[in-house]
Amino acid sequence: DHLTFLNVYLQWKQQKYSSSWCNDHFVHPKAMKKAREVHAQLTDIMSSQKVKLLSTGGSWDVVRKAICSSYFYNSARIKGIGEYVNMLTGIPSNLHPSSALFGLGYTPDYVTYHELIMTTKEYM
């Protein structure tokens, strides 16, 4: 899902940050503008710390590795069909129906998630 957000941002950037593009694709322009502000802040911080700003060059694997290392505590392995267990705590959780992985046709052996949501089940 993080890669989906990144892809949406990159598509919006290609469209020169157009609000009408957001409306046409059912994306909130205000949320995208906030993401652009955060990007600018991070770029400024990197410049002030003299950290070189590099692009992945279209390699999504680099982005995947960064997400996995930063969300290590939110990693889970498969237990059953659509059911996962946190690798550190053993807390069971399920793929949320709104997740890009839900209904994919297969379930990955390992996932990294942003947060858990408790309803009738614990979802990630």
C-alpha atoms as a PDB file:
ATOM      1  CA  ASP A   1       0.000   0.000   0.000  1.00  0.00           C
ATOM      2  CA  HIS A   2       2.949   2.337   0.637  1.00  0.00           C
ATOM      3  CA  LEU A   3       4.093   1.723  -2.925  1.00  0.00           C
ATOM      4  CA  THR A   4       0.599   2.560  -4.143  1.00  0.00           C
ATOM      5  CA  PHE A   5       0.811   5.913  -2.325  1.00  0.00           C
ATOM      6  CA  LEU A   6       4.236   6.558  -3.837  1.00  0.00           C
ATOM      7  CA  ASN A   7       2.974   5.688  -7.299  1.00  0.00           C
ATOM      8  CA  VAL A   8       0.012   8.077  -6.903  1.00  0.00           C
ATOM      9  CA  TYR A   9       2.384  10.844  -5.788  1.00  0.00           C
ATOM     10  CA  LEU A  10       4.690  10.268  -8.765  1.00  0.00           C
ATOM     11  CA  GLN A  11       1.734  10.306 -11.166  1.00  0.00           C
ATOM     12  CA  TRP A  12       0.513  13.572  -9.606  1.00  0.00           C
ATOM     13  CA  LYS A  13       4.013  15.038  -9.938  1.00  0.00           C
ATOM     14  CA  GLN A  14       4.055  14.076 -13.647  1.00  0.00           C
ATOM     15  CA  GLN A  15       0.818  16.033 -14.027  1.00  0.00           C
ATOM     16  CA  LYS A  16       2.534  19.132 -12.564  1.00  0.00           C
ATOM     17  CA  TYR A  17       0.723  18.783  -9.213  1.00  0.00           C
ATOM     18  CA  SER A  18      -2.674  19.368 -10.822  1.00  0.00           C
ATOM     19  CA  SER A  19      -5.715  19.585  -8.554  1.00  0.00           C
ATOM     20  CA  SER A  20      -7.961  18.624 -11.459  1.00  0.00           C
ATOM     21  CA  TRP A  21      -5.908  15.420 -11.903  1.00  0.00           C
ATOM     22  CA  CYS A  22      -6.600  14.627  -8.241  1.00  0.00           C
ATOM     23  CA  ASN A  23     -10.320  15.166  -8.693  1.00  0.00           C
ATOM     24  CA  ASP A  24     -10.376  13.052 -11.864  1.00  0.00           C
ATOM     25  CA  HIS A  25      -8.665  10.189  -9.994  1.00  0.00           C
ATOM     26  CA  PHE A  26     -10.617  10.510  -6.716  1.00  0.00           C
ATOM     27  CA  VAL A  27      -7.590  11.711  -4.737  1.00  0.00           C
ATOM     28  CA  HIS A  28      -7.840  14.520  -2.182  1.00  0.00           C
ATOM     29  CA  PRO A  29      -5.784  17.482  -3.471  1.00  0.00           C
ATOM     30  CA  LYS A  30      -5.285  18.783   0.088  1.00  0.00           C
ATOM     31  CA  ALA A  31      -3.677  15.484   1.173  1.00  0.00           C
ATOM     32  CA  MET A  32      -1.396  15.532  -1.860  1.00  0.00           C
ATOM     33  CA  LYS A  33      -0.337  19.106  -1.132  1.00  0.00           C
ATOM     34  CA  LYS A  34       0.519  18.039   2.427  1.00  0.00           C
ATOM     35  CA  ALA A  35       2.624  15.166   1.043  1.00  0.00           C
ATOM     36  CA  ARG A  36       4.425  17.657  -1.207  1.00  0.00           C
ATOM     37  CA  GLU A  37       5.138  19.899   1.803  1.00  0.00           C
ATOM     38  CA  VAL A  38       6.550  16.938   3.747  1.00  0.00           C
ATOM     39  CA  HIS A  39       8.726  16.042   0.754  1.00  0.00           C
ATOM     40  CA  ALA A  40      10.033  19.617   0.613  1.00  0.00           C
ATOM     41  CA  GLN A  41      10.768  19.583   4.371  1.00  0.00           C
ATOM     42  CA  LEU A  42      12.680  16.313   4.112  1.00  0.00           C
ATOM     43  CA  THR A  43      14.639  17.648   1.138  1.00  0.00           C
ATOM     44  CA  ASP A  44      15.534  20.794   3.136  1.00  0.00           C
ATOM     45  CA  ILE A  45      16.653  18.725   6.132  1.00  0.00           C
ATOM     46  CA  MET A  46      18.816  16.545   3.907  1.00  0.00           C
ATOM     47  CA  SER A  47      20.398  19.642   2.340  1.00  0.00           C
ATOM     48  CA  SER A  48      21.097  21.239   5.714  1.00  0.00           C
ATOM     49  CA  GLN A  49      22.713  18.005   6.938  1.00  0.00           C
ATOM     50  CA  LYS A  50      24.691  17.731   3.684  1.00  0.00           C
ATOM     51  CA  VAL A  51      23.122  14.371   2.859  1.00  0.00           C
ATOM     52  CA  LYS A  52      23.138  13.660  -0.848  1.00  0.00           C
ATOM     53  CA  LEU A  53      19.655  13.332  -2.356  1.00  0.00           C
ATOM     54  CA  LEU A  54      19.543  10.252  -4.587  1.00  0.00           C
ATOM     55  CA  SER A  55      16.836   8.734  -6.729  1.00  0.00           C
ATOM     56  CA  THR A  56      16.103   5.023  -6.833  1.00  0.00           C
ATOM     57  CA  GLY A  57      16.209   5.232 -10.604  1.00  0.00           C
ATOM     58  CA  GLY A  58      12.904   3.404 -10.842  1.00  0.00           C
ATOM     59  CA  SER A  59      14.091   0.487  -8.709  1.00  0.00           C
ATOM     60  CA  TRP A  60      11.174  -0.360  -6.444  1.00  0.00           C
ATOM     61  CA  ASP A  61      13.308  -2.940  -4.593  1.00  0.00           C
ATOM     62  CA  VAL A  62      15.286  -0.130  -2.936  1.00  0.00           C
ATOM     63  CA  VAL A  63      12.021   1.392  -1.707  1.00  0.00           C
ATOM     64  CA  ARG A  64      10.785  -1.999  -0.492  1.00  0.00           C
ATOM     65  CA  LYS A  65      13.996  -2.520   1.502  1.00  0.00           C
ATOM     66  CA  ALA A  66      13.660   0.930   3.092  1.00  0.00           C
ATOM     67  CA  ILE A  67      10.054   0.246   4.096  1.00  0.00           C
ATOM     68  CA  CYS A  68      10.897  -3.184   5.516  1.00  0.00           C
ATOM     69  CA  SER A  69      13.807  -1.886   7.569  1.00  0.00           C
ATOM     70  CA  SER A  70      11.848   1.066   8.952  1.00  0.00           C
ATOM     71  CA  TYR A  71       8.750  -1.015   9.768  1.00  0.00           C
ATOM     72  CA  PHE A  72      10.636  -4.033  11.125  1.00  0.00           C
ATOM     73  CA  TYR A  73       8.464  -4.136  14.250  1.00  0.00           C
ATOM     74  CA  ASN A  74       5.383  -4.320  12.006  1.00  0.00           C
ATOM     75  CA  SER A  75       6.415  -7.407  10.072  1.00  0.00           C
ATOM     76  CA  ALA A  76       4.299 -10.540   9.959  1.00  0.00           C
ATOM     77  CA  ARG A  77       4.491 -14.035   8.502  1.00  0.00           C
ATOM     78  CA  ILE A  78       1.645 -16.050   7.103  1.00  0.00           C
ATOM     79  CA  LYS A  79      -0.246 -18.424   9.384  1.00  0.00           C
ATOM     80  CA  GLY A  80      -3.206 -19.344   7.187  1.00  0.00           C
ATOM     81  CA  ILE A  81      -5.226 -18.016   4.287  1.00  0.00           C
ATOM     82  CA  GLY A  82      -5.227 -14.232   4.771  1.00  0.00           C
ATOM     83  CA  GLU A  83      -4.103 -14.605   8.392  1.00  0.00           C
ATOM     84  CA  TYR A  84      -0.723 -13.435   9.619  1.00  0.00           C
ATOM     85  CA  VAL A  85       1.188 -13.415  12.896  1.00  0.00           C
ATOM     86  CA  ASN A  86       3.473 -10.573  14.001  1.00  0.00           C
ATOM     87  CA  MET A  87       7.028 -11.905  13.957  1.00  0.00           C
ATOM     88  CA  LEU A  88       8.010 -10.270  17.249  1.00  0.00           C
ATOM     89  CA  THR A  89       4.878 -10.350  19.392  1.00  0.00           C
ATOM     90  CA  GLY A  90       2.935 -13.258  17.907  1.00  0.00           C
ATOM     91  CA  ILE A  91      -0.239 -11.153  17.673  1.00  0.00           C
ATOM     92  CA  PRO A  92      -2.523 -12.581  14.969  1.00  0.00           C
ATOM     93  CA  SER A  93      -3.952 -10.214  12.364  1.00  0.00           C
ATOM     94  CA  ASN A  94      -5.691 -10.341   8.996  1.00  0.00           C
ATOM     95  CA  LEU A  95      -5.358  -8.469   5.745  1.00  0.00           C
ATOM     96  CA  HIS A  96      -7.792  -5.556   5.677  1.00  0.00           C
ATOM     97  CA  PRO A  97     -10.341  -5.768   2.845  1.00  0.00           C
ATOM     98  CA  SER A  98      -9.178  -2.352   1.565  1.00  0.00           C
ATOM     99  CA  SER A  99      -5.554  -3.515   1.305  1.00  0.00           C
ATOM    100  CA  ALA A 100      -4.002  -3.888  -2.140  1.00  0.00           C
ATOM    101  CA  LEU A 101      -3.010  -7.423  -1.098  1.00  0.00           C
ATOM    102  CA  PHE A 102      -6.562  -8.475  -0.217  1.00  0.00           C
ATOM    103  CA  GLY A 103      -8.122 -10.564  -2.988  1.00  0.00           C
ATOM    104  CA  LEU A 104      -4.862 -10.603  -4.935  1.00  0.00           C
ATOM    105  CA  GLY A 105      -5.222 -14.301  -5.681  1.00  0.00           C
ATOM    106  CA  TYR A 106      -2.258 -15.318  -3.579  1.00  0.00           C
ATOM    107  CA  THR A 107      -0.942 -14.338  -0.172  1.00  0.00           C
ATOM    108  CA  PRO A 108       2.692 -13.334   0.323  1.00  0.00           C
ATOM    109  CA  ASP A 109       4.660 -15.306   2.925  1.00  0.00           C
ATOM    110  CA  TYR A 110       5.695 -12.080   4.686  1.00  0.00           C
ATOM    111  CA  VAL A 111       4.168  -8.601   4.909  1.00  0.00           C
ATOM    112  CA  THR A 112       5.061  -5.264   6.439  1.00  0.00           C
ATOM    113  CA  TYR A 113       2.179  -3.111   7.629  1.00  0.00           C
ATOM    114  CA  HIS A 114       1.723   0.444   8.829  1.00  0.00           C
ATOM    115  CA  GLU A 115      -0.787  -0.062  11.644  1.00  0.00           C
ATOM    116  CA  LEU A 116      -3.267  -2.462  13.192  1.00  0.00           C
ATOM    117  CA  ILE A 117      -6.979  -1.663  13.261  1.00  0.00           C
ATOM    118  CA  MET A 118      -9.261  -3.475  15.694  1.00  0.00           C
ATOM    119  CA  THR A 119     -12.862  -4.105  14.639  1.00  0.00           C
ATOM    120  CA  THR A 120     -14.430  -7.572  14.742  1.00  0.00           C
ATOM    121  CA  LYS A 121     -10.920  -8.821  13.900  1.00  0.00           C
ATOM    122  CA  GLU A 122      -7.493  -7.256  14.143  1.00  0.00           C
ATOM    123  CA  TYR A 123      -6.632  -5.947  10.671  1.00  0.00           C
ATOM    124  CA  MET A 124      -3.417  -4.610   9.218  1.00  0.00           C
END
